[in-house]
Amino acid sequence: MQVAKVIGNIWATRKEEKLAGLKLLLVQPINPLTGELYRIPLVAADIIGAGVGETVLVVGGSSARSAAGDMKTPVDATVVGIVDDQDVDASVLQQA
C-alpha cells in the first residue's frame, strides 16, 4: 500500500469491457514521512469516490484487482482509502 495525491482524472471512451463503470484517477505517490512527491504519477481505478487534491491510499498488483471487484479486471493500482489525517513521530525523521 502507498500514499498518493490525486492530481487529475483520466477519461477513456473506448476501453476494455471490465473497466466499464470504473472511474480512473491520475495519482502521484508521496513520501508519507515528508509529504514530498516521488516516483512518476500512475493511473489508478477509484472505487471510493476520491477527488483531485485528496491524499489517498493506493494498493497495487493482485490487491488492486481484488479491490476493483474481480481478479480479471486489468488494473495495476486501485484507490482504497482517503486519508483524513496522519501522525508521524518526528524522532524517526531525525534518525534517518
Protein backbone atom coordinates (compact mmCIF):
# COMPACT_ATOMS: atom_id res chain seq x y z
CA MET A 1 0.00 0.00 0.00
CA GLN A 2 1.23 3.50 -0.72
CA VAL A 3 0.15 7.07 -0.05
CA ALA A 4 -0.55 9.29 -3.06
CA LYS A 5 -2.06 12.64 -4.00
CA VAL A 6 -4.85 12.71 -6.60
CA ILE A 7 -3.63 15.10 -9.31
CA GLY A 8 -6.16 14.51 -12.07
CA ASN A 9 -8.81 12.43 -13.81
CA ILE A 10 -8.44 10.16 -16.81
CA TRP A 11 -11.27 9.61 -19.29
CA ALA A 12 -11.25 6.78 -21.80
CA THR A 13 -14.30 6.39 -24.01
CA ARG A 14 -13.02 3.17 -25.56
CA LYS A 15 -11.60 0.70 -23.08
CA GLU A 16 -11.55 -2.95 -22.01
CA GLU A 17 -15.04 -4.15 -21.02
CA LYS A 18 -14.02 -4.95 -17.45
CA LEU A 19 -13.06 -1.28 -16.94
CA ALA A 20 -16.60 -0.10 -17.72
CA GLY A 21 -18.00 1.83 -14.78
CA LEU A 22 -14.64 2.38 -13.10
CA LYS A 23 -13.53 5.97 -12.50
CA LEU A 24 -9.85 6.44 -13.35
CA LEU A 25 -7.61 8.88 -11.47
CA LEU A 26 -4.09 10.15 -12.01
CA VAL A 27 -2.26 9.81 -8.69
CA GLN A 28 1.19 10.99 -7.63
CA PRO A 29 2.88 8.81 -4.97
CA ILE A 30 4.13 10.80 -1.97
CA ASN A 31 6.54 10.01 0.84
CA PRO A 32 4.26 9.54 3.89
CA LEU A 33 7.01 10.75 6.26
CA THR A 34 7.84 14.01 4.49
CA GLY A 35 4.92 14.60 2.13
CA GLU A 36 7.36 15.01 -0.76
CA LEU A 37 6.34 13.77 -4.20
CA TYR A 38 8.37 10.89 -5.60
CA ARG A 39 8.22 8.39 -8.46
CA ILE A 40 6.16 9.01 -11.58
CA PRO A 41 2.37 9.50 -11.48
CA LEU A 42 0.21 6.47 -12.19
CA VAL A 43 -3.35 5.70 -13.22
CA ALA A 44 -5.49 4.10 -10.52
CA ALA A 45 -9.04 2.80 -10.50
CA ASP A 46 -11.16 4.68 -7.95
CA ILE A 47 -13.72 2.59 -6.08
CA ILE A 48 -14.41 5.07 -3.25
CA GLY A 49 -15.09 8.42 -4.91
CA ALA A 50 -11.85 10.32 -4.28
CA GLY A 51 -11.28 13.69 -5.88
CA VAL A 52 -8.46 15.90 -7.12
CA GLY A 53 -6.34 17.25 -4.30
CA GLU A 54 -7.12 14.47 -1.84
CA THR A 55 -4.49 12.25 -0.25
CA VAL A 56 -5.36 8.60 -0.79
CA LEU A 57 -4.23 5.05 -0.09
CA VAL A 58 -3.41 3.02 -3.19
CA VAL A 59 -2.89 -0.73 -3.50
CA GLY A 60 -1.23 -2.49 -6.41
CA GLY A 61 -0.99 -5.88 -8.06
CA SER A 62 -3.44 -8.60 -7.09
CA SER A 63 -4.76 -6.43 -4.23
CA ALA A 64 -5.71 -3.77 -6.81
CA ARG A 65 -7.58 -6.30 -8.94
CA SER A 66 -9.33 -7.79 -5.91
CA ALA A 67 -10.38 -4.35 -4.63
CA ALA A 68 -11.72 -3.43 -8.09
CA GLY A 69 -14.11 -6.37 -7.76
CA ASP A 70 -12.70 -9.09 -9.97
CA MET A 71 -9.29 -10.72 -10.22
CA LYS A 72 -9.64 -10.48 -14.01
CA THR A 73 -10.05 -6.67 -14.01
CA PRO A 74 -6.99 -5.26 -15.80
CA VAL A 75 -5.80 -2.70 -13.22
CA ASP A 76 -2.38 -2.25 -11.63
CA ALA A 77 -3.49 0.25 -8.94
CA THR A 78 -6.72 0.93 -7.05
CA VAL A 79 -7.59 3.74 -4.63
CA VAL A 80 -8.94 2.08 -1.48
CA GLY A 81 -9.00 4.91 1.08
CA ILE A 82 -8.98 8.66 1.59
CA VAL A 83 -6.50 9.87 4.22
CA ASP A 84 -8.13 12.18 6.77
CA ASP A 85 -5.01 12.83 8.83
CA GLN A 86 -1.73 11.26 9.84
CA ASP A 87 0.64 11.49 12.79
CA VAL A 88 4.34 10.90 12.24
CA ASP A 89 6.91 10.54 15.03
CA ALA A 90 9.40 13.34 14.28
CA SER A 91 12.21 11.50 16.09
CA VAL A 92 12.16 8.86 13.34
CA LEU A 93 12.83 11.55 10.74
CA GLN A 94 15.81 12.87 12.73
CA GLN A 95 17.40 9.41 12.90
CA ALA A 96 17.15 8.79 9.17
